Amino acid sequence: MSPIAIGVLAIGMSIDALIASLGRGASARRPSWSEALRTGLVFGVVETLTPLIGWLLGVAASQYVQSVDHWIAFLLLGGVGGRMFYHAFHRGPEDEHAPVNRSLMTLLATAVGTSIDAMAVGVSLAFLEVNIVVIAIAIGCATTLMSTGGMLAGRMLGSRFGRFAEMFGGVALVALGASILVEHLTAV
C-alpha cells in the first residue's frame, strides 16, 4: 500500500472520531487543552488498536466479526448520542454551568463506537499483503490530531451555541451509527 493510500485511509478512518470530538467539545463548555489532548489520545489509541484487532480477527474468523460490527457501532454511537440529545433537552437553567459527564467510560464508549469501522477495515486488510502496524499507527496519529482539534473547535461552538451544539452532537452521533448500520445492511 502506497504512502498516499495509507494517508487517505488514515484520514477516512478518523472522520468519525472528528465528528464525535466536535460534539464532545461543544457539550463540555470550555474544555481545557489538556482535556482536548486526553480526548485525542484516547480516540487515537483506540483507533490504533482496532485495526490491529480487526486484522487478527480477520486472520482467525472474519465472517463472525463482519456480521456484527455494524450493530455494535450503531448501539454504542446511538446510546452515547441519544444520551447527549436527551441531556440537552432536560437541562434546566440551573444546570447551565454544571459540569458535563466527562467520564473516561463515556469517552471510551464513544471512541470504541467510532472505531468499529477501523476494525472492519483491519479485517479486510488481513487478506492483503500490507504492513498492518504502519497502517494502524498512521490511523492512530491522524485520529489523535483530528480529535484534539475537533474538541477545541467544538469548544468554540459550545460557548456560542450551547444547548443547540450539544443537540447537534448527539444527533450527529446517532446519525453516524445509523449510517454505519444502513451501509452494512444495504451492502448485503
N, C-alpha and C. Protein backbone atom coordinates (compact mmCIF):
# COMPACT_ATOMS: atom_id res chain seq x y z
N MET A 1 0.86 -1.17 0.00
CA MET A 1 0.00 0.00 0.00
C MET A 1 0.90 1.23 0.00
N SER A 2 0.61 2.18 -0.90
CA SER A 2 1.44 3.38 -1.03
C SER A 2 1.23 4.32 0.15
N PRO A 3 2.21 5.20 0.40
CA PRO A 3 2.05 6.18 1.49
C PRO A 3 0.82 7.07 1.29
N ILE A 4 0.51 7.43 0.06
CA ILE A 4 -0.67 8.26 -0.19
C ILE A 4 -1.94 7.49 0.17
N ALA A 5 -2.01 6.23 -0.22
CA ALA A 5 -3.18 5.40 0.10
C ALA A 5 -3.32 5.24 1.61
N ILE A 6 -2.20 5.07 2.30
CA ILE A 6 -2.24 4.95 3.76
C ILE A 6 -2.75 6.25 4.37
N GLY A 7 -2.28 7.40 3.86
CA GLY A 7 -2.73 8.70 4.36
C GLY A 7 -4.22 8.92 4.15
N VAL A 8 -4.71 8.58 2.97
CA VAL A 8 -6.13 8.72 2.68
C VAL A 8 -6.95 7.80 3.60
N LEU A 9 -6.48 6.57 3.77
CA LEU A 9 -7.17 5.64 4.67
C LEU A 9 -7.18 6.17 6.10
N ALA A 10 -6.05 6.71 6.56
CA ALA A 10 -5.95 7.23 7.93
C ALA A 10 -6.92 8.38 8.14
N ILE A 11 -6.99 9.29 7.19
CA ILE A 11 -7.91 10.43 7.32
C ILE A 11 -9.36 9.94 7.27
N GLY A 12 -9.65 9.03 6.35
CA GLY A 12 -11.00 8.49 6.25
C GLY A 12 -11.47 7.79 7.52
N MET A 13 -10.57 7.06 8.15
CA MET A 13 -10.92 6.35 9.38
C MET A 13 -11.05 7.31 10.56
N SER A 14 -10.50 8.52 10.45
CA SER A 14 -10.51 9.48 11.55
C SER A 14 -11.72 10.41 11.53
N ILE A 15 -12.46 10.44 10.46
CA ILE A 15 -13.59 11.37 10.33
C ILE A 15 -14.63 11.13 11.42
N ASP A 16 -14.95 9.88 11.70
CA ASP A 16 -15.94 9.56 12.74
C ASP A 16 -15.52 10.14 14.09
N ALA A 17 -14.25 9.96 14.43
CA ALA A 17 -13.75 10.47 15.70
C ALA A 17 -13.76 12.00 15.72
N LEU A 18 -13.48 12.62 14.58
CA LEU A 18 -13.54 14.08 14.50
C LEU A 18 -14.95 14.58 14.81
N ILE A 19 -15.95 13.95 14.20
CA ILE A 19 -17.34 14.35 14.43
C ILE A 19 -17.71 14.18 15.91
N ALA A 20 -17.33 13.03 16.47
CA ALA A 20 -17.64 12.77 17.88
C ALA A 20 -16.94 13.77 18.80
N SER A 21 -15.68 14.12 18.50
CA SER A 21 -14.97 15.05 19.37
C SER A 21 -15.50 16.48 19.22
N LEU A 22 -16.00 16.83 18.04
CA LEU A 22 -16.67 18.13 17.89
C LEU A 22 -17.87 18.22 18.83
N GLY A 23 -18.67 17.17 18.84
CA GLY A 23 -19.83 17.14 19.74
C GLY A 23 -19.43 17.14 21.19
N ARG A 24 -18.40 16.40 21.52
CA ARG A 24 -17.93 16.34 22.90
C ARG A 24 -17.40 17.71 23.35
N GLY A 25 -16.65 18.36 22.47
CA GLY A 25 -16.12 19.68 22.80
C GLY A 25 -17.23 20.71 22.95
N ALA A 26 -18.27 20.59 22.12
CA ALA A 26 -19.39 21.53 22.19
C ALA A 26 -20.17 21.35 23.49
N SER A 27 -20.29 20.13 23.96
CA SER A 27 -21.08 19.90 25.17
C SER A 27 -20.27 20.10 26.45
N ALA A 28 -18.96 20.23 26.34
CA ALA A 28 -18.11 20.32 27.53
C ALA A 28 -18.01 21.72 28.11
N ARG A 29 -18.48 22.74 27.42
CA ARG A 29 -18.39 24.11 27.90
C ARG A 29 -16.97 24.45 28.36
N ARG A 30 -16.19 24.87 27.42
CA ARG A 30 -14.82 25.31 27.64
C ARG A 30 -13.88 24.21 28.13
N PRO A 31 -13.71 23.14 27.34
CA PRO A 31 -12.73 22.13 27.75
C PRO A 31 -11.32 22.71 27.66
N SER A 32 -10.46 22.25 28.52
CA SER A 32 -9.07 22.74 28.54
C SER A 32 -8.27 22.06 27.44
N TRP A 33 -7.08 22.60 27.20
CA TRP A 33 -6.18 21.99 26.22
C TRP A 33 -5.84 20.56 26.65
N SER A 34 -5.63 20.36 27.95
CA SER A 34 -5.27 19.02 28.42
C SER A 34 -6.42 18.04 28.22
N GLU A 35 -7.64 18.51 28.41
CA GLU A 35 -8.79 17.64 28.18
C GLU A 35 -8.94 17.32 26.69
N ALA A 36 -8.68 18.30 25.84
CA ALA A 36 -8.73 18.07 24.39
C ALA A 36 -7.66 17.07 23.98
N LEU A 37 -6.48 17.21 24.54
CA LEU A 37 -5.40 16.27 24.23
C LEU A 37 -5.72 14.87 24.75
N ARG A 38 -6.30 14.80 25.95
CA ARG A 38 -6.69 13.49 26.50
C ARG A 38 -7.72 12.83 25.59
N THR A 39 -8.69 13.61 25.12
CA THR A 39 -9.70 13.07 24.21
C THR A 39 -9.04 12.58 22.93
N GLY A 40 -8.16 13.40 22.38
CA GLY A 40 -7.46 12.99 21.15
C GLY A 40 -6.64 11.74 21.34
N LEU A 41 -5.94 11.65 22.48
CA LEU A 41 -5.12 10.46 22.73
C LEU A 41 -5.97 9.20 22.93
N VAL A 42 -7.09 9.33 23.64
CA VAL A 42 -7.95 8.16 23.83
C VAL A 42 -8.51 7.69 22.49
N PHE A 43 -9.03 8.64 21.70
CA PHE A 43 -9.53 8.28 20.37
C PHE A 43 -8.41 7.67 19.52
N GLY A 44 -7.21 8.29 19.57
CA GLY A 44 -6.09 7.81 18.76
C GLY A 44 -5.62 6.42 19.15
N VAL A 45 -5.51 6.16 20.45
CA VAL A 45 -5.06 4.83 20.90
C VAL A 45 -6.09 3.76 20.51
N VAL A 46 -7.37 4.06 20.75
CA VAL A 46 -8.41 3.09 20.38
C VAL A 46 -8.41 2.87 18.88
N GLU A 47 -8.26 3.95 18.12
CA GLU A 47 -8.28 3.85 16.66
C GLU A 47 -7.01 3.16 16.14
N THR A 48 -5.94 3.15 16.90
CA THR A 48 -4.74 2.39 16.53
C THR A 48 -4.94 0.91 16.81
N LEU A 49 -5.56 0.61 17.93
CA LEU A 49 -5.72 -0.80 18.33
C LEU A 49 -6.78 -1.54 17.51
N THR A 50 -7.87 -0.87 17.14
CA THR A 50 -8.96 -1.59 16.49
C THR A 50 -8.61 -2.18 15.12
N PRO A 51 -7.83 -1.51 14.26
CA PRO A 51 -7.47 -2.20 13.02
C PRO A 51 -6.56 -3.41 13.28
N LEU A 52 -5.72 -3.30 14.33
CA LEU A 52 -4.89 -4.45 14.68
C LEU A 52 -5.75 -5.63 15.16
N ILE A 53 -6.73 -5.30 16.02
CA ILE A 53 -7.66 -6.34 16.49
C ILE A 53 -8.44 -6.91 15.32
N GLY A 54 -8.93 -6.03 14.46
CA GLY A 54 -9.66 -6.49 13.28
C GLY A 54 -8.81 -7.37 12.38
N TRP A 55 -7.56 -6.99 12.20
CA TRP A 55 -6.66 -7.79 11.38
C TRP A 55 -6.48 -9.18 11.99
N LEU A 56 -6.28 -9.22 13.31
CA LEU A 56 -6.13 -10.53 13.98
C LEU A 56 -7.42 -11.35 13.87
N LEU A 57 -8.55 -10.69 14.06
CA LEU A 57 -9.83 -11.39 13.92
C LEU A 57 -10.06 -11.82 12.47
N GLY A 58 -9.63 -10.99 11.54
CA GLY A 58 -9.77 -11.34 10.13
C GLY A 58 -8.97 -12.57 9.77
N VAL A 59 -7.81 -12.67 10.35
CA VAL A 59 -6.98 -13.85 10.12
C VAL A 59 -7.67 -15.08 10.73
N ALA A 60 -8.28 -14.90 11.89
CA ALA A 60 -8.90 -16.02 12.60
C ALA A 60 -10.30 -16.37 12.10
N ALA A 61 -11.18 -15.38 12.02
CA ALA A 61 -12.59 -15.69 11.71
C ALA A 61 -13.33 -14.46 11.20
N SER A 62 -13.06 -14.03 10.01
CA SER A 62 -13.62 -12.78 9.51
C SER A 62 -15.14 -12.78 9.40
N GLN A 63 -15.74 -13.87 9.06
CA GLN A 63 -17.19 -13.86 8.87
C GLN A 63 -17.96 -13.55 10.15
N TYR A 64 -17.41 -13.85 11.31
CA TYR A 64 -18.11 -13.56 12.56
C TYR A 64 -18.06 -12.07 12.91
N VAL A 65 -16.93 -11.43 12.72
CA VAL A 65 -16.78 -10.02 13.03
C VAL A 65 -17.60 -9.17 12.06
N GLN A 66 -17.51 -9.48 10.78
CA GLN A 66 -18.22 -8.69 9.79
C GLN A 66 -19.73 -8.79 9.94
N SER A 67 -20.20 -9.83 10.54
CA SER A 67 -21.65 -9.98 10.67
C SER A 67 -22.25 -9.16 11.80
N VAL A 68 -21.45 -8.66 12.73
CA VAL A 68 -22.00 -7.89 13.85
C VAL A 68 -21.36 -6.53 14.08
N ASP A 69 -20.31 -6.18 13.35
CA ASP A 69 -19.61 -4.92 13.64
C ASP A 69 -20.50 -3.70 13.50
N HIS A 70 -21.38 -3.70 12.53
CA HIS A 70 -22.26 -2.55 12.32
C HIS A 70 -23.29 -2.40 13.44
N TRP A 71 -23.73 -3.50 14.01
CA TRP A 71 -24.68 -3.43 15.13
C TRP A 71 -24.00 -2.88 16.38
N ILE A 72 -22.76 -3.29 16.62
CA ILE A 72 -22.01 -2.79 17.77
C ILE A 72 -21.81 -1.28 17.64
N ALA A 73 -21.38 -0.83 16.46
CA ALA A 73 -21.18 0.60 16.24
C ALA A 73 -22.48 1.37 16.41
N PHE A 74 -23.57 0.86 15.87
CA PHE A 74 -24.87 1.52 15.97
C PHE A 74 -25.31 1.65 17.43
N LEU A 75 -25.20 0.58 18.20
CA LEU A 75 -25.63 0.62 19.60
C LEU A 75 -24.77 1.57 20.44
N LEU A 76 -23.46 1.52 20.27
CA LEU A 76 -22.59 2.40 21.06
C LEU A 76 -22.79 3.87 20.69
N LEU A 77 -22.76 4.17 19.39
CA LEU A 77 -22.92 5.56 18.97
C LEU A 77 -24.33 6.07 19.24
N GLY A 78 -25.32 5.23 18.99
CA GLY A 78 -26.70 5.62 19.25
C GLY A 78 -26.95 5.89 20.73
N GLY A 79 -26.39 5.06 21.58
CA GLY A 79 -26.55 5.25 23.02
C GLY A 79 -25.91 6.54 23.53
N VAL A 80 -24.67 6.76 23.12
CA VAL A 80 -23.97 7.97 23.55
C VAL A 80 -24.64 9.21 22.96
N GLY A 81 -24.97 9.16 21.66
CA GLY A 81 -25.63 10.30 21.01
C GLY A 81 -27.00 10.58 21.57
N GLY A 82 -27.77 9.53 21.81
CA GLY A 82 -29.10 9.70 22.40
C GLY A 82 -29.04 10.32 23.78
N ARG A 83 -28.06 9.93 24.54
CA ARG A 83 -27.87 10.49 25.88
C ARG A 83 -27.52 11.98 25.80
N MET A 84 -26.65 12.34 24.85
CA MET A 84 -26.30 13.76 24.67
C MET A 84 -27.54 14.57 24.29
N PHE A 85 -28.33 14.05 23.36
CA PHE A 85 -29.52 14.75 22.89
C PHE A 85 -30.52 14.92 24.02
N TYR A 86 -30.75 13.85 24.77
CA TYR A 86 -31.67 13.88 25.91
C TYR A 86 -31.21 14.92 26.94
N HIS A 87 -29.92 14.91 27.23
CA HIS A 87 -29.37 15.82 28.23
C HIS A 87 -29.54 17.28 27.79
N ALA A 88 -29.42 17.55 26.51
CA ALA A 88 -29.57 18.92 26.01
C ALA A 88 -30.98 19.45 26.26
N PHE A 89 -31.98 18.58 26.15
CA PHE A 89 -33.36 19.00 26.35
C PHE A 89 -33.76 19.04 27.82
N HIS A 90 -33.14 18.22 28.63
CA HIS A 90 -33.56 18.09 30.03
C HIS A 90 -32.62 18.79 31.00
N ARG A 91 -31.87 19.73 30.53
CA ARG A 91 -31.01 20.51 31.40
C ARG A 91 -31.72 21.82 31.68
N GLY A 92 -31.92 22.10 32.92
CA GLY A 92 -32.58 23.35 33.31
C GLY A 92 -31.59 24.49 33.37
N PRO A 93 -32.11 25.70 33.60
CA PRO A 93 -31.22 26.86 33.70
C PRO A 93 -30.18 26.71 34.80
N GLU A 94 -30.54 26.00 35.87
CA GLU A 94 -29.59 25.82 36.97
C GLU A 94 -28.46 24.87 36.59
N ASP A 95 -28.67 24.07 35.52
CA ASP A 95 -27.65 23.13 35.08
C ASP A 95 -26.71 23.73 34.04
N GLU A 96 -26.96 24.96 33.60
CA GLU A 96 -26.16 25.57 32.53
C GLU A 96 -24.68 25.57 32.85
N HIS A 97 -24.33 25.73 34.12
CA HIS A 97 -22.92 25.81 34.48
C HIS A 97 -22.44 24.58 35.23
N ALA A 98 -23.29 23.55 35.27
CA ALA A 98 -22.89 22.30 35.92
C ALA A 98 -21.94 21.53 35.01
N PRO A 99 -21.03 20.75 35.59
CA PRO A 99 -20.09 20.00 34.76
C PRO A 99 -20.80 18.92 33.94
N VAL A 100 -20.34 18.75 32.71
CA VAL A 100 -20.85 17.71 31.83
C VAL A 100 -20.15 16.41 32.17
N ASN A 101 -20.83 15.28 31.96
CA ASN A 101 -20.21 13.99 32.22
C ASN A 101 -19.01 13.81 31.30
N ARG A 102 -17.84 13.91 31.87
CA ARG A 102 -16.61 13.76 31.11
C ARG A 102 -15.89 12.49 31.52
N SER A 103 -16.65 11.50 31.93
CA SER A 103 -16.05 10.28 32.45
C SER A 103 -15.25 9.55 31.38
N LEU A 104 -14.27 8.84 31.85
CA LEU A 104 -13.43 8.04 30.96
C LEU A 104 -14.27 6.96 30.29
N MET A 105 -15.26 6.42 30.99
CA MET A 105 -16.09 5.36 30.39
C MET A 105 -16.91 5.89 29.22
N THR A 106 -17.46 7.09 29.34
CA THR A 106 -18.21 7.69 28.24
C THR A 106 -17.28 7.96 27.07
N LEU A 107 -16.10 8.48 27.36
CA LEU A 107 -15.11 8.74 26.32
C LEU A 107 -14.70 7.44 25.62
N LEU A 108 -14.45 6.39 26.39
CA LEU A 108 -14.07 5.10 25.80
C LEU A 108 -15.20 4.51 24.95
N ALA A 109 -16.43 4.60 25.44
CA ALA A 109 -17.56 4.07 24.67
C ALA A 109 -17.68 4.79 23.34
N THR A 110 -17.50 6.10 23.36
CA THR A 110 -17.56 6.87 22.12
C THR A 110 -16.40 6.49 21.20
N ALA A 111 -15.22 6.36 21.77
CA ALA A 111 -14.04 6.00 20.96
C ALA A 111 -14.20 4.62 20.33
N VAL A 112 -14.70 3.68 21.09
CA VAL A 112 -14.92 2.33 20.54
C VAL A 112 -15.99 2.38 19.46
N GLY A 113 -17.06 3.10 19.71
CA GLY A 113 -18.13 3.20 18.72
C GLY A 113 -17.67 3.78 17.40
N THR A 114 -16.81 4.81 17.48
CA THR A 114 -16.33 5.43 16.24
C THR A 114 -15.24 4.62 15.56
N SER A 115 -14.66 3.66 16.25
CA SER A 115 -13.56 2.90 15.66
C SER A 115 -13.95 1.52 15.16
N ILE A 116 -15.21 1.16 15.26
CA ILE A 116 -15.65 -0.14 14.78
C ILE A 116 -15.37 -0.29 13.28
N ASP A 117 -15.55 0.79 12.53
CA ASP A 117 -15.27 0.70 11.09
C ASP A 117 -13.78 0.44 10.84
N ALA A 118 -12.90 0.96 11.69
CA ALA A 118 -11.47 0.69 11.56
C ALA A 118 -11.18 -0.79 11.83
N MET A 119 -11.96 -1.39 12.72
CA MET A 119 -11.80 -2.81 12.97
C MET A 119 -12.21 -3.60 11.72
N ALA A 120 -13.30 -3.17 11.10
CA ALA A 120 -13.74 -3.83 9.88
C ALA A 120 -12.70 -3.68 8.77
N VAL A 121 -12.08 -2.50 8.68
CA VAL A 121 -11.01 -2.31 7.70
C VAL A 121 -9.84 -3.24 8.02
N GLY A 122 -9.53 -3.36 9.30
CA GLY A 122 -8.47 -4.29 9.71
C GLY A 122 -8.77 -5.71 9.27
N VAL A 123 -10.03 -6.10 9.37
CA VAL A 123 -10.43 -7.44 8.92
C VAL A 123 -10.15 -7.58 7.43
N SER A 124 -10.55 -6.59 6.66
CA SER A 124 -10.34 -6.68 5.21
C SER A 124 -8.86 -6.64 4.85
N LEU A 125 -8.05 -5.90 5.62
CA LEU A 125 -6.62 -5.83 5.35
C LEU A 125 -5.91 -7.15 5.65
N ALA A 126 -6.55 -8.00 6.43
CA ALA A 126 -5.96 -9.30 6.74
C ALA A 126 -5.79 -10.15 5.48
N PHE A 127 -6.54 -9.84 4.45
CA PHE A 127 -6.49 -10.62 3.22
C PHE A 127 -5.58 -10.00 2.17
N LEU A 128 -4.92 -8.89 2.53
CA LEU A 128 -3.99 -8.22 1.62
C LEU A 128 -2.59 -8.30 2.20
N GLU A 129 -1.62 -8.10 1.38
CA GLU A 129 -0.24 -8.09 1.85
C GLU A 129 0.15 -6.66 2.21
N VAL A 130 -0.14 -6.26 3.44
CA VAL A 130 0.15 -4.90 3.91
C VAL A 130 0.85 -4.98 5.26
N ASN A 131 1.51 -3.89 5.61
CA ASN A 131 2.11 -3.78 6.93
C ASN A 131 1.06 -3.15 7.85
N ILE A 132 0.33 -3.97 8.56
CA ILE A 132 -0.79 -3.51 9.38
C ILE A 132 -0.34 -2.59 10.50
N VAL A 133 0.88 -2.77 10.99
CA VAL A 133 1.37 -1.91 12.08
C VAL A 133 1.55 -0.47 11.59
N VAL A 134 2.12 -0.29 10.42
CA VAL A 134 2.30 1.04 9.85
C VAL A 134 0.94 1.70 9.61
N ILE A 135 0.01 0.95 9.06
CA ILE A 135 -1.32 1.48 8.78
C ILE A 135 -2.03 1.86 10.08
N ALA A 136 -1.96 1.00 11.08
CA ALA A 136 -2.63 1.28 12.37
C ALA A 136 -2.04 2.52 13.04
N ILE A 137 -0.72 2.67 12.99
CA ILE A 137 -0.08 3.85 13.58
C ILE A 137 -0.49 5.11 12.83
N ALA A 138 -0.56 5.05 11.51
CA ALA A 138 -1.00 6.20 10.72
C ALA A 138 -2.43 6.59 11.07
N ILE A 139 -3.31 5.61 11.19
CA ILE A 139 -4.70 5.88 11.57
C ILE A 139 -4.76 6.50 12.97
N GLY A 140 -3.99 5.96 13.90
CA GLY A 140 -3.98 6.48 15.27
C GLY A 140 -3.46 7.90 15.36
N CYS A 141 -2.41 8.21 14.62
CA CYS A 141 -1.85 9.57 14.63
C CYS A 141 -2.84 10.57 14.02
N ALA A 142 -3.42 10.21 12.89
CA ALA A 142 -4.41 11.10 12.26
C ALA A 142 -5.60 11.32 13.18
N THR A 143 -6.05 10.27 13.83
CA THR A 143 -7.19 10.38 14.74
C THR A 143 -6.86 11.26 15.94
N THR A 144 -5.68 11.10 16.50
CA THR A 144 -5.28 11.92 17.64
C THR A 144 -5.29 13.40 17.27
N LEU A 145 -4.69 13.73 16.15
CA LEU A 145 -4.64 15.14 15.72
C LEU A 145 -6.03 15.68 15.41
N MET A 146 -6.83 14.92 14.67
CA MET A 146 -8.15 15.40 14.27
C MET A 146 -9.10 15.49 15.46
N SER A 147 -9.01 14.55 16.39
CA SER A 147 -9.90 14.57 17.56
C SER A 147 -9.54 15.69 18.52
N THR A 148 -8.26 15.92 18.72
CA THR A 148 -7.84 17.03 19.58
C THR A 148 -8.31 18.35 18.97
N GLY A 149 -8.10 18.51 17.68
CA GLY A 149 -8.58 19.72 17.00
C GLY A 149 -10.09 19.84 17.03
N GLY A 150 -10.78 18.71 16.88
CA GLY A 150 -12.24 18.71 16.92
C GLY A 150 -12.77 19.11 18.28
N MET A 151 -12.12 18.66 19.32
CA MET A 151 -12.53 19.01 20.68
C MET A 151 -12.37 20.52 20.89
N LEU A 152 -11.27 21.08 20.43
CA LEU A 152 -11.03 22.52 20.60
C LEU A 152 -11.99 23.34 19.73
N ALA A 153 -12.27 22.88 18.52
CA ALA A 153 -13.23 23.57 17.66
C ALA A 153 -14.63 23.48 18.26
N GLY A 154 -14.97 22.33 18.83
CA GLY A 154 -16.26 22.17 19.49
C GLY A 154 -16.40 23.09 20.68
N ARG A 155 -15.29 23.38 21.32
CA ARG A 155 -15.30 24.31 22.47
C ARG A 155 -15.83 25.67 22.03
N MET A 156 -15.39 26.13 20.86
CA MET A 156 -15.87 27.42 20.36
C MET A 156 -17.35 27.36 20.02
N LEU A 157 -17.77 26.25 19.43
CA LEU A 157 -19.19 26.08 19.13
C LEU A 157 -20.02 26.06 20.39
N GLY A 158 -19.54 25.34 21.41
CA GLY A 158 -20.29 25.19 22.65
C GLY A 158 -20.47 26.50 23.39
N SER A 159 -19.45 27.33 23.40
CA SER A 159 -19.58 28.59 24.13
C SER A 159 -20.54 29.55 23.43
N ARG A 160 -20.73 29.39 22.14
CA ARG A 160 -21.64 30.27 21.41
C ARG A 160 -23.03 29.70 21.25
N PHE A 161 -23.11 28.39 21.08
CA PHE A 161 -24.39 27.79 20.75
C PHE A 161 -24.92 26.84 21.81
N GLY A 162 -24.11 26.54 22.83
CA GLY A 162 -24.53 25.76 23.99
C GLY A 162 -25.38 24.55 23.71
N ARG A 163 -26.64 24.63 24.12
CA ARG A 163 -27.59 23.53 24.04
C ARG A 163 -27.77 23.01 22.61
N PHE A 164 -27.81 23.93 21.65
CA PHE A 164 -28.01 23.52 20.25
C PHE A 164 -26.81 22.72 19.73
N ALA A 165 -25.61 23.11 20.13
CA ALA A 165 -24.42 22.37 19.72
C ALA A 165 -24.43 20.97 20.34
N GLU A 166 -24.89 20.86 21.57
CA GLU A 166 -24.96 19.55 22.22
C GLU A 166 -26.00 18.67 21.53
N MET A 167 -27.14 19.26 21.17
CA MET A 167 -28.17 18.51 20.43
C MET A 167 -27.62 18.06 19.09
N PHE A 168 -26.93 18.96 18.39
CA PHE A 168 -26.35 18.61 17.09
C PHE A 168 -25.33 17.49 17.24
N GLY A 169 -24.49 17.56 18.26
CA GLY A 169 -23.51 16.50 18.51
C GLY A 169 -24.17 15.16 18.75
N GLY A 170 -25.25 15.16 19.55
CA GLY A 170 -25.99 13.92 19.80
C GLY A 170 -26.62 13.36 18.55
N VAL A 171 -27.25 14.24 17.77
CA VAL A 171 -27.87 13.81 16.51
C VAL A 171 -26.80 13.29 15.55
N ALA A 172 -25.65 13.96 15.50
CA ALA A 172 -24.57 13.53 14.61
C ALA A 172 -24.08 12.13 14.97
N LEU A 173 -23.95 11.85 16.27
CA LEU A 173 -23.50 10.51 16.67
C LEU A 173 -24.54 9.45 16.34
N VAL A 174 -25.82 9.74 16.59
CA VAL A 174 -26.88 8.79 16.25
C VAL A 174 -26.91 8.58 14.74
N ALA A 175 -26.80 9.66 13.97
CA ALA A 175 -26.80 9.56 12.50
C ALA A 175 -25.60 8.77 12.00
N LEU A 176 -24.46 8.98 12.64
CA LEU A 176 -23.26 8.24 12.27
C LEU A 176 -23.45 6.75 12.51
N GLY A 177 -23.98 6.40 13.67
CA GLY A 177 -24.26 4.99 13.96
C GLY A 177 -25.27 4.40 13.01
N ALA A 178 -26.32 5.17 12.70
CA ALA A 178 -27.35 4.70 11.76
C ALA A 178 -26.78 4.53 10.36
N SER A 179 -25.90 5.45 9.94
CA SER A 179 -25.33 5.34 8.60
C SER A 179 -24.43 4.12 8.48
N ILE A 180 -23.68 3.81 9.54
CA ILE A 180 -22.86 2.60 9.53
C ILE A 180 -23.76 1.37 9.42
N LEU A 181 -24.85 1.37 10.19
CA LEU A 181 -25.79 0.24 10.15
C LEU A 181 -26.42 0.11 8.77
N VAL A 182 -26.94 1.20 8.22
CA VAL A 182 -27.60 1.16 6.91
C VAL A 182 -26.62 0.74 5.83
N GLU A 183 -25.41 1.29 5.87
CA GLU A 183 -24.40 0.96 4.87
C GLU A 183 -24.13 -0.54 4.85
N HIS A 184 -24.01 -1.14 6.03
CA HIS A 184 -23.72 -2.57 6.09
C HIS A 184 -24.93 -3.41 5.73
N LEU A 185 -26.11 -2.99 6.13
CA LEU A 185 -27.32 -3.77 5.84
C LEU A 185 -27.70 -3.71 4.37
N THR A 186 -27.45 -2.58 3.72
CA THR A 186 -27.79 -2.47 2.30
C THR A 186 -26.72 -3.05 1.40
N ALA A 187 -25.52 -3.27 1.94
CA ALA A 187 -24.44 -3.86 1.14
C ALA A 187 -24.63 -5.36 1.00
N VAL A 188 -25.49 -5.94 1.83
CA VAL A 188 -25.68 -7.40 1.81
C VAL A 188 -26.46 -7.84 0.64
